[in-house]
Amino acid sequence: MILNRKTSVWLLVMLLFVSGKTLAQGTDIDVKIKNFSAPEIYLGYYFGDKEYVRDTAKLLSDQNGAGHYHFKSEEELNPGIYFVVKPGSKLYFQFVPDEKPFSLTTDTLDIMGNLKVTGSPKNALFLGYQQFITEQNGVAQAIQQEMAAVPKEQTEVMEELRSKLQEMDKKVKAKQFEVLQQHPNSMAAKVIKSTKRPEIPASITDRFGKLLYYRTHFWDNFDLSDPALLRTQFYNNKVEEYMEKLTYPHPDSLYQSASRLIELAKGNEETFRYMVVSQTNFFEKGTRLGSENVFVKLAKKYYLSGQATWTDEETISKVKERVEQLEPNLLYKKAAPIELRDPEGNELSLDEHNAPYTVLFFYDPDCGHCKKETPIALDAFHELRDQGIEFWGITTVTDTEKWHQFIEERGLDWINGEDPYVQSNFRYDYDIRTTPMIYVLDKDKKIIAKKIAAENIVKFIQMYQKNNP
């Protein structure tokens, strides 16, 4: 597999995750690049879903058109994949750390093809494998281009080209087998394993069975507790694939998958910490339906249980507070009661209304986004009201005059409610941190959707009706 560079987010900061396992002799890497003389180049590394700058090397000399740079530091490099890069240019190549000084030379005519290493058997293996795969990929692309140009009637030519592809595939597999057998603990071997996919037994023929087997064995060749893999471009991509493509988007399924990832990463303190932090943060900030349910469960299991030993008391207190804020209004829980007043000053009680579905639209009349979303929500109400579905437009502020004006100007003919004396606890019970905020309740007043966009109200209710007749 070719090691392709992702779009970088260049941050001249160090992430606060520090591995306890480091190399012994610091950093000492000599770099020479023919036909290149930029004032400085960077040494970067991958971490999760981002790339970071680790060091900068200034141009030492420009000898015969070859720029000379040197990365030297007493700070040690953690295991992983690192790269030399100059943003805005085509300079980019990868290497792995070594406890001994070593040198890298190349030229801008063919940076990868002409890259050579001296003094580092680890990199000789790693770079050699990269160059082999790059070469084979070029061969495969050429064959595929030939195949695309072959007329359909020339079946013999097509078969010959297919045979060439098969031979090339055998050659790649043989090379991978050689690396895995002779250097099982090398970074090259870890790269090979990270690209391997579960091979589904021929005995499994049904689609669901294949998916279940693939999902169950997805991590067979990838060790989530290996901190070296955490510093590669593969780690986060694998996690995202597992969560986005192999996990059913229901809170219970998402929680099970996130917990599995964390438990698989638990063998190493750094990977465990990264996975706990990244998964809980993702679901706490997530917009996907039921994200907060997953966050609360993860927070309780890892933060509030004492397993997140790296976290200080202040952070734990904030996590606990956030859990307590979210728990009353999680998906599938019964919505908290709301006591309001209508524009005529009459009492309004959510519990006293019965409807097959109730949409709660919390808004601030001065909020710019609310002004854009309100007519969309109103159109949804007009489309759905013949089904007995109720919409409640609830202002989050206490300015009654401004609220009345907003109702009149917008023609809000749904149920309108206010809490002018802040006697209701709905702002806390429904976690109204931003507006507009939209909830959808079923006939039993259970929350079936929250924080959805106004444009998705009709579609959501229609889909929910279809799946829950």
Protein backbone atom coordinates (compact mmCIF):
# COMPACT_ATOMS: atom_id res chain seq x y z
CA MET A 1 0.00 0.00 0.00
CA ILE A 2 1.29 3.44 -0.92
CA LEU A 3 1.72 5.77 2.03
CA ASN A 4 -0.24 8.78 0.82
CA ARG A 5 0.02 12.12 2.54
CA LYS A 6 -3.20 13.57 3.95
CA THR A 7 -4.06 17.24 3.99
CA SER A 8 -2.09 18.62 6.91
CA VAL A 9 -3.22 20.78 9.78
CA TRP A 10 0.05 22.48 10.63
CA LEU A 11 0.26 23.26 14.32
CA LEU A 12 3.53 24.34 15.89
CA VAL A 13 2.54 22.78 19.17
CA MET A 14 3.10 19.48 20.89
CA LEU A 15 0.15 17.32 21.80
CA LEU A 16 -0.18 16.66 25.51
CA PHE A 17 0.07 12.91 25.14
CA VAL A 18 3.53 11.70 26.15
CA SER A 19 4.59 8.11 25.73
CA GLY A 20 6.53 6.41 28.47
CA LYS A 21 8.46 4.37 25.92
CA THR A 22 11.08 6.33 23.98
CA LEU A 23 14.32 5.69 22.17
CA ALA A 24 17.63 6.09 23.94
CA GLN A 25 19.88 8.44 22.00
CA GLY A 26 17.82 11.46 21.01
CA THR A 27 17.49 12.63 17.41
CA ASP A 28 20.34 12.79 14.90
CA ILE A 29 19.25 12.81 11.25
CA ASP A 30 21.27 14.25 8.38
CA VAL A 31 19.31 15.23 5.26
CA LYS A 32 20.62 16.16 1.82
CA ILE A 33 18.30 17.06 -1.05
CA LYS A 34 19.59 17.69 -4.55
CA ASN A 35 18.01 20.57 -6.49
CA PHE A 36 16.53 21.97 -3.29
CA SER A 37 17.64 24.88 -1.13
CA ALA A 38 14.70 26.11 0.97
CA PRO A 39 15.71 28.11 4.09
CA GLU A 40 14.21 25.44 6.36
CA ILE A 41 12.43 22.10 6.39
CA TYR A 42 10.29 20.40 9.01
CA LEU A 43 10.27 17.10 10.81
CA GLY A 44 6.68 16.06 11.44
CA TYR A 45 4.74 13.15 12.84
CA TYR A 46 1.25 11.71 12.80
CA PHE A 47 -0.87 11.49 15.92
CA GLY A 48 -4.41 10.19 15.67
CA ASP A 49 -6.15 12.24 12.99
CA LYS A 50 -3.63 15.08 12.77
CA GLU A 51 -0.07 15.87 11.75
CA TYR A 52 2.25 17.87 13.96
CA VAL A 53 5.60 19.59 13.55
CA ARG A 54 8.26 18.11 15.83
CA ASP A 55 11.37 20.01 14.76
CA THR A 56 12.79 22.49 12.25
CA ALA A 57 16.10 22.27 10.42
CA LYS A 58 17.74 25.33 8.84
CA LEU A 59 19.70 25.19 5.59
CA LEU A 60 23.34 24.54 6.53
CA SER A 61 24.77 24.80 3.05
CA ASP A 62 23.93 24.55 -0.61
CA GLN A 63 26.67 22.37 -2.08
CA ASN A 64 26.50 21.76 -5.82
CA GLY A 65 22.77 22.35 -5.84
CA ALA A 66 22.12 20.06 -2.87
CA GLY A 67 20.55 21.51 0.26
CA HIS A 68 22.04 20.20 3.52
CA TYR A 69 19.97 20.03 6.73
CA HIS A 70 20.42 18.41 10.11
CA PHE A 71 17.86 17.45 12.74
CA LYS A 72 19.66 17.05 16.06
CA SER A 73 18.12 17.09 19.50
CA GLU A 74 18.52 15.46 22.88
CA GLU A 75 14.79 14.86 22.89
CA GLU A 76 13.88 11.33 21.96
CA LEU A 77 11.48 10.28 19.24
CA ASN A 78 8.63 7.95 20.07
CA PRO A 79 8.02 4.93 17.80
CA GLY A 80 5.89 5.65 14.75
CA ILE A 81 6.14 7.09 11.24
CA TYR A 82 7.73 10.52 10.82
CA PHE A 83 8.17 12.67 7.74
CA VAL A 84 10.32 15.43 6.30
CA VAL A 85 8.32 18.13 4.57
CA LYS A 86 8.38 21.65 3.23
CA PRO A 87 4.79 22.99 2.93
CA GLY A 88 4.12 24.57 -0.42
CA SER A 89 6.66 22.37 -2.19
CA LYS A 90 6.67 18.77 -3.39
CA LEU A 91 9.17 17.78 -0.71
CA TYR A 92 7.71 15.01 1.38
CA PHE A 93 9.06 11.62 2.45
CA GLN A 94 8.70 9.32 5.44
CA PHE A 95 11.05 7.49 7.79
CA VAL A 96 11.05 5.73 11.16
CA PRO A 97 13.06 6.68 14.28
CA ASP A 98 16.37 4.99 15.01
CA GLU A 99 18.52 5.02 18.13
CA LYS A 100 21.59 5.66 15.99
CA PRO A 101 22.48 8.67 13.81
CA PHE A 102 21.59 8.14 10.15
CA SER A 103 21.36 10.11 6.91
CA LEU A 104 18.76 10.50 4.19
CA THR A 105 19.51 11.69 0.66
CA THR A 106 17.23 12.31 -2.30
CA ASP A 107 16.50 14.80 -5.09
CA THR A 108 13.45 16.68 -6.26
CA LEU A 109 13.37 14.90 -9.65
CA ASP A 110 12.06 11.75 -7.96
CA ILE A 111 11.89 12.24 -4.20
CA MET A 112 10.60 8.77 -3.34
CA GLY A 113 12.37 6.82 -6.05
CA ASN A 114 15.79 8.31 -5.31
CA LEU A 115 15.51 8.32 -1.53
CA LYS A 116 18.44 6.53 0.10
CA VAL A 117 19.33 5.86 3.72
CA THR A 118 22.72 5.31 5.33
CA GLY A 119 23.36 4.00 8.83
CA SER A 120 19.87 2.70 9.62
CA PRO A 121 18.84 -0.88 8.79
CA LYS A 122 15.38 -0.07 10.15
CA ASN A 123 14.90 2.62 7.54
CA ALA A 124 16.53 0.60 4.81
CA LEU A 125 13.77 -1.97 5.34
CA PHE A 126 11.00 0.58 5.78
CA LEU A 127 11.98 2.75 2.81
CA GLY A 128 12.76 -0.27 0.67
CA TYR A 129 9.24 -1.58 1.19
CA GLN A 130 7.72 1.82 0.40
CA GLN A 131 9.71 2.09 -2.81
CA PHE A 132 8.76 -1.45 -3.83
CA ILE A 133 5.05 -0.75 -3.31
CA THR A 134 5.30 2.60 -5.10
CA GLU A 135 6.90 0.89 -8.08
CA GLN A 136 4.31 -1.89 -8.18
CA ASN A 137 1.50 0.59 -7.89
CA GLY A 138 2.86 2.43 -10.91
CA VAL A 139 2.94 -0.85 -12.85
CA ALA A 140 -0.65 -1.63 -11.83
CA GLN A 141 -1.88 1.79 -12.92
CA ALA A 142 -0.21 1.39 -16.31
CA ILE A 143 -1.86 -2.01 -16.82
CA GLN A 144 -5.25 -0.66 -15.77
CA GLN A 145 -4.91 2.20 -18.25
CA GLU A 146 -4.14 -0.35 -20.98
CA MET A 147 -7.19 -2.39 -19.99
CA ALA A 148 -9.41 0.69 -20.18
CA ALA A 149 -8.28 1.27 -23.77
CA VAL A 150 -8.77 -2.32 -24.98
CA PRO A 151 -11.92 -2.88 -27.10
CA LYS A 152 -14.38 -5.39 -25.61
CA GLU A 153 -13.99 -7.82 -28.46
CA GLN A 154 -10.23 -8.25 -27.81
CA THR A 155 -10.76 -10.77 -25.02
CA GLU A 156 -7.35 -12.40 -25.39
CA VAL A 157 -5.56 -9.10 -24.86
CA MET A 158 -7.73 -8.40 -21.83
CA GLU A 159 -6.98 -11.82 -20.35
CA GLU A 160 -3.26 -11.25 -20.85
CA LEU A 161 -3.45 -7.93 -19.01
CA ARG A 162 -5.46 -9.53 -16.19
CA SER A 163 -2.77 -12.19 -15.89
CA LYS A 164 -0.16 -9.46 -15.55
CA LEU A 165 -2.14 -7.89 -12.73
CA GLN A 166 -2.43 -11.25 -11.01
CA GLU A 167 1.30 -11.84 -11.32
CA MET A 168 1.99 -8.42 -9.88
CA ASP A 169 -0.38 -9.16 -6.99
CA LYS A 170 1.47 -12.41 -6.28
CA LYS A 171 4.76 -10.50 -6.28
CA VAL A 172 3.43 -7.99 -3.75
CA LYS A 173 2.07 -10.72 -1.49
CA ALA A 174 5.36 -12.59 -1.65
CA LYS A 175 7.23 -9.44 -0.62
CA GLN A 176 4.83 -8.84 2.24
CA PHE A 177 5.18 -12.44 3.41
CA GLU A 178 8.97 -12.06 3.35
CA VAL A 179 8.86 -8.92 5.51
CA LEU A 180 6.39 -10.45 7.96
CA GLN A 181 8.46 -13.60 8.33
CA GLN A 182 11.92 -12.05 8.55
CA HIS A 183 11.07 -8.78 10.35
CA PRO A 184 7.81 -9.38 12.26
CA ASN A 185 8.32 -6.49 14.72
CA SER A 186 9.43 -3.89 12.19
CA MET A 187 7.45 -0.79 11.23
CA ALA A 188 7.22 -2.17 7.71
CA ALA A 189 5.51 -5.30 9.07
CA LYS A 190 3.08 -3.13 11.06
CA VAL A 191 2.24 -1.17 7.91
CA ILE A 192 1.56 -4.39 6.03
CA LYS A 193 -0.68 -5.74 8.80
CA SER A 194 -2.56 -2.46 9.03
CA THR A 195 -3.65 -2.79 5.39
CA LYS A 196 -4.78 -6.42 5.66
CA ARG A 197 -8.50 -7.03 5.55
CA PRO A 198 -10.31 -9.96 7.17
CA GLU A 199 -10.69 -12.81 4.69
CA ILE A 200 -14.26 -14.08 4.89
CA PRO A 201 -14.53 -17.89 4.80
CA ALA A 202 -16.21 -19.30 1.69
CA SER A 203 -18.68 -21.11 3.94
CA ILE A 204 -20.28 -17.78 4.88
CA THR A 205 -22.56 -16.86 1.99
CA ASP A 206 -25.25 -14.54 3.34
CA ARG A 207 -24.64 -10.80 3.35
CA PHE A 208 -25.33 -10.26 7.04
CA GLY A 209 -23.07 -13.17 8.00
CA LYS A 210 -20.24 -11.71 5.92
CA LEU A 211 -20.68 -8.29 7.50
CA LEU A 212 -20.75 -9.76 11.00
CA TYR A 213 -17.60 -11.81 10.37
CA TYR A 214 -15.80 -8.83 8.83
CA ARG A 215 -16.73 -6.59 11.73
CA THR A 216 -15.82 -9.17 14.37
CA HIS A 217 -12.38 -9.79 12.84
CA PHE A 218 -11.69 -6.20 11.76
CA TRP A 219 -8.97 -5.73 14.39
CA ASP A 220 -7.25 -9.11 13.98
CA ASN A 221 -4.19 -7.60 12.29
CA PHE A 222 -4.17 -4.20 13.94
CA ASP A 223 -3.08 -3.67 17.54
CA LEU A 224 -4.86 -0.61 18.91
CA SER A 225 -2.66 -0.73 22.01
CA ASP A 226 0.55 -0.24 19.98
CA PRO A 227 1.72 3.38 20.48
CA ALA A 228 3.81 3.14 17.32
CA LEU A 229 0.63 2.71 15.26
CA LEU A 230 -0.92 5.70 17.01
CA ARG A 231 1.76 7.77 15.25
CA THR A 232 0.78 6.63 11.79
CA GLN A 233 -1.76 7.81 9.24
CA PHE A 234 -3.57 4.46 9.55
CA TYR A 235 -4.71 4.52 13.17
CA ASN A 236 -7.50 7.08 13.02
CA ASN A 237 -8.60 5.99 9.55
CA LYS A 238 -9.20 2.46 10.86
CA VAL A 239 -11.11 3.78 13.88
CA GLU A 240 -13.30 5.99 11.68
CA GLU A 241 -14.05 3.12 9.29
CA TYR A 242 -15.07 0.89 12.18
CA MET A 243 -17.34 3.50 13.76
CA GLU A 244 -18.78 5.04 10.58
CA LYS A 245 -19.15 2.05 8.25
CA LEU A 246 -19.27 -1.03 10.49
CA THR A 247 -21.40 0.21 13.39
CA TYR A 248 -25.17 0.59 13.28
CA PRO A 249 -26.01 4.25 14.09
CA HIS A 250 -27.97 3.53 17.26
CA PRO A 251 -26.75 4.73 20.68
CA ASP A 252 -26.44 1.21 22.08
CA SER A 253 -24.45 -0.04 19.07
CA LEU A 254 -22.25 3.06 19.03
CA TYR A 255 -21.52 2.66 22.74
CA GLN A 256 -20.62 -1.01 22.31
CA SER A 257 -18.24 -0.19 19.45
CA ALA A 258 -16.63 2.75 21.26
CA SER A 259 -16.17 0.61 24.38
CA ARG A 260 -14.60 -2.14 22.31
CA LEU A 261 -12.10 0.31 20.82
CA ILE A 262 -11.16 1.59 24.27
CA GLU A 263 -10.77 -1.90 25.71
CA LEU A 264 -8.59 -2.95 22.76
CA ALA A 265 -6.40 0.11 23.37
CA LYS A 266 -6.15 -0.54 27.09
CA GLY A 267 -2.90 -2.52 26.92
CA ASN A 268 -0.86 0.69 26.74
CA GLU A 269 -1.37 3.80 28.88
CA GLU A 270 -0.94 6.24 26.00
CA THR A 271 -3.26 4.50 23.54
CA PHE A 272 -5.83 3.92 26.30
CA ARG A 273 -5.75 7.60 27.18
CA TYR A 274 -5.99 8.68 23.56
CA MET A 275 -8.94 6.42 22.85
CA VAL A 276 -10.87 7.41 25.98
CA VAL A 277 -10.34 11.12 25.32
CA SER A 278 -11.04 10.98 21.57
CA GLN A 279 -14.18 8.85 21.86
CA THR A 280 -15.75 10.75 24.76
CA ASN A 281 -14.95 14.11 23.14
CA PHE A 282 -16.38 12.96 19.81
CA PHE A 283 -19.69 11.92 21.32
CA GLU A 284 -19.94 14.85 23.74
CA LYS A 285 -19.62 17.27 20.82
CA GLY A 286 -21.30 15.01 18.26
CA THR A 287 -24.36 15.97 16.24
CA ARG A 288 -25.36 12.41 15.39
CA LEU A 289 -28.63 11.23 16.93
CA GLY A 290 -27.95 9.69 20.34
CA SER A 291 -24.35 10.94 20.65
CA GLU A 292 -25.01 12.27 24.14
CA ASN A 293 -26.31 8.88 25.28
CA VAL A 294 -22.97 7.39 24.29
CA PHE A 295 -21.01 10.19 25.95
CA VAL A 296 -22.81 9.74 29.27
CA LYS A 297 -22.15 5.99 29.32
CA LEU A 298 -18.49 6.40 28.37
CA ALA A 299 -17.99 9.20 30.89
CA LYS A 300 -19.45 7.09 33.68
CA LYS A 301 -17.49 3.98 32.73
CA TYR A 302 -14.06 5.60 32.33
CA TYR A 303 -13.99 9.06 33.94
CA LEU A 304 -16.35 8.80 36.89
CA SER A 305 -15.22 5.25 37.76
CA GLY A 306 -11.63 6.37 38.30
CA GLN A 307 -10.15 4.60 35.26
CA ALA A 308 -9.03 7.90 33.69
CA THR A 309 -6.11 8.18 36.11
CA TRP A 310 -4.45 10.99 34.12
CA THR A 311 -7.37 13.37 34.76
CA ASP A 312 -7.30 15.95 37.56
CA GLU A 313 -10.14 16.58 40.02
CA GLU A 314 -11.28 19.75 38.26
CA THR A 315 -11.77 17.91 34.97
CA ILE A 316 -13.58 15.04 36.68
CA SER A 317 -15.86 17.57 38.35
CA LYS A 318 -16.68 19.16 34.98
CA VAL A 319 -17.35 15.77 33.40
CA LYS A 320 -19.65 14.87 36.30
CA GLU A 321 -21.50 18.16 35.94
CA ARG A 322 -21.94 17.62 32.21
CA VAL A 323 -23.26 14.10 32.77
CA GLU A 324 -25.78 15.42 35.29
CA GLN A 325 -26.90 18.08 32.80
CA LEU A 326 -27.42 15.60 29.99
CA GLU A 327 -28.95 12.64 31.80
CA PRO A 328 -32.48 14.11 32.21
CA ASN A 329 -32.89 14.68 28.45
CA LEU A 330 -31.15 11.76 26.81
CA LEU A 331 -32.67 10.11 23.78
CA TYR A 332 -35.54 7.68 24.61
CA LYS A 333 -36.07 9.15 28.10
CA LYS A 334 -39.36 10.75 29.07
CA ALA A 335 -39.17 14.47 28.51
CA ALA A 336 -39.18 16.72 31.56
CA PRO A 337 -42.43 18.59 32.27
CA ILE A 338 -42.74 22.17 31.03
CA GLU A 339 -45.03 24.78 32.59
CA LEU A 340 -45.45 27.96 30.52
CA ARG A 341 -47.86 30.79 29.69
CA ASP A 342 -49.42 31.43 26.29
CA PRO A 343 -49.66 34.94 24.73
CA GLU A 344 -52.95 35.57 26.56
CA GLY A 345 -51.39 34.70 29.90
CA ASN A 346 -53.08 31.30 30.25
CA GLU A 347 -51.17 28.38 31.77
CA LEU A 348 -49.66 25.82 29.41
CA SER A 349 -48.61 22.37 30.58
CA LEU A 350 -46.85 19.91 28.29
CA ASP A 351 -48.21 16.95 30.28
CA GLU A 352 -51.80 18.03 29.68
CA HIS A 353 -51.44 17.82 25.89
CA ASN A 354 -51.79 14.60 23.96
CA ALA A 355 -50.47 14.28 20.42
CA PRO A 356 -48.94 11.46 18.35
CA TYR A 357 -45.78 13.60 18.14
CA THR A 358 -44.75 16.87 19.73
CA VAL A 359 -42.04 19.14 18.34
CA LEU A 360 -40.44 21.57 20.79
CA PHE A 361 -38.83 24.56 19.08
CA PHE A 362 -36.80 26.59 21.60
CA TYR A 363 -35.70 29.96 20.26
CA ASP A 364 -34.54 33.48 21.07
CA PRO A 365 -36.32 36.25 19.08
CA ASP A 366 -33.00 38.12 18.70
CA CYS A 367 -31.05 35.07 17.52
CA GLY A 368 -30.06 35.39 13.85
CA HIS A 369 -30.05 31.64 13.27
CA CYS A 370 -33.46 31.35 14.97
CA LYS A 371 -34.86 33.89 12.53
CA LYS A 372 -33.67 31.70 9.63
CA GLU A 373 -34.89 28.41 11.12
CA THR A 374 -38.29 29.60 12.37
CA PRO A 375 -40.04 29.83 8.95
CA ILE A 376 -38.64 26.39 8.02
CA ALA A 377 -40.00 24.91 11.25
CA LEU A 378 -43.32 26.69 10.66
CA ASP A 379 -43.59 25.16 7.17
CA ALA A 380 -42.99 21.74 8.76
CA PHE A 381 -45.82 22.41 11.22
CA HIS A 382 -48.21 23.36 8.44
CA GLU A 383 -47.32 20.17 6.57
CA LEU A 384 -47.81 17.92 9.59
CA ARG A 385 -50.58 19.51 11.66
CA ASP A 386 -53.41 17.62 9.89
CA GLN A 387 -51.95 14.48 11.50
CA GLY A 388 -52.54 15.96 14.94
CA ILE A 389 -48.83 16.66 15.44
CA GLU A 390 -48.24 19.60 17.79
CA PHE A 391 -45.49 22.19 17.53
CA TRP A 392 -44.53 24.27 20.56
CA GLY A 393 -42.63 27.49 19.92
CA ILE A 394 -40.93 28.30 23.23
CA THR A 395 -39.02 31.52 23.77
CA THR A 396 -35.94 31.24 25.98
CA VAL A 397 -35.91 34.92 26.99
CA THR A 398 -38.15 36.90 29.32
CA ASP A 399 -38.96 39.92 27.15
CA THR A 400 -42.73 39.44 26.64
CA GLU A 401 -43.19 42.43 24.35
CA LYS A 402 -40.42 41.35 22.01
CA TRP A 403 -41.85 37.79 22.04
CA HIS A 404 -45.34 39.02 21.10
CA GLN A 405 -43.86 41.07 18.27
CA PHE A 406 -41.92 38.04 16.97
CA ILE A 407 -45.09 35.88 17.00
CA GLU A 408 -47.06 38.50 15.07
CA GLU A 409 -44.37 39.27 12.51
CA ARG A 410 -43.68 35.58 11.81
CA GLY A 411 -47.31 34.45 11.88
CA LEU A 412 -46.60 31.71 14.42
CA ASP A 413 -49.91 29.85 14.59
CA TRP A 414 -48.55 26.89 16.54
CA ILE A 415 -48.63 26.66 20.35
CA ASN A 416 -46.61 29.58 21.71
CA GLY A 417 -45.20 29.60 25.22
CA GLU A 418 -43.02 31.74 27.48
CA ASP A 419 -41.62 31.60 31.01
CA PRO A 420 -41.43 35.33 31.92
CA TYR A 421 -40.61 34.82 35.59
CA VAL A 422 -38.20 31.87 35.10
CA GLN A 423 -40.44 29.54 37.09
CA SER A 424 -39.89 26.59 34.76
CA ASN A 425 -36.64 24.61 34.74
CA PHE A 426 -36.80 23.83 31.02
CA ARG A 427 -33.60 25.71 30.17
CA TYR A 428 -31.63 23.26 32.33
CA ASP A 429 -33.79 20.18 31.77
CA TYR A 430 -33.46 20.51 28.00
CA ASP A 431 -29.82 21.67 28.03
CA ILE A 432 -30.60 24.89 26.14
CA ARG A 433 -27.07 26.16 25.58
CA THR A 434 -27.67 27.44 22.06
CA THR A 435 -30.72 28.34 20.01
CA PRO A 436 -32.64 27.25 18.14
CA MET A 437 -32.93 23.86 19.83
CA ILE A 438 -35.38 21.29 18.47
CA TYR A 439 -36.73 18.21 20.25
CA VAL A 440 -39.20 15.63 18.92
CA LEU A 441 -41.31 13.64 21.40
CA ASP A 442 -43.48 10.58 20.77
CA LYS A 443 -47.04 10.07 22.07
CA ASP A 444 -45.67 9.08 25.50
CA LYS A 445 -43.55 12.24 25.63
CA LYS A 446 -40.35 10.25 25.21
CA ILE A 447 -37.52 12.03 23.39
CA ILE A 448 -37.00 10.43 19.98
CA ALA A 449 -34.88 13.21 18.44
CA LYS A 450 -33.03 16.27 19.66
CA LYS A 451 -30.84 19.01 18.25
CA ILE A 452 -31.98 18.31 14.70
CA ALA A 453 -32.21 20.97 11.98
CA ALA A 454 -35.60 22.44 11.14
CA GLU A 455 -35.30 21.20 7.56
CA ASN A 456 -35.11 17.61 8.86
CA ILE A 457 -38.25 17.62 11.03
CA VAL A 458 -40.68 16.31 8.42
CA LYS A 459 -38.26 13.73 7.05
CA PHE A 460 -37.43 12.45 10.53
CA ILE A 461 -41.07 12.06 11.60
CA GLN A 462 -41.97 10.34 8.33
CA MET A 463 -39.10 7.88 8.70
CA TYR A 464 -39.94 7.28 12.36
CA GLN A 465 -43.59 6.62 11.48
CA LYS A 466 -42.49 4.15 8.81
CA ASN A 467 -40.15 2.27 11.16
CA ASN A 468 -42.51 2.46 14.15
CA PRO A 469 -46.03 2.01 12.77
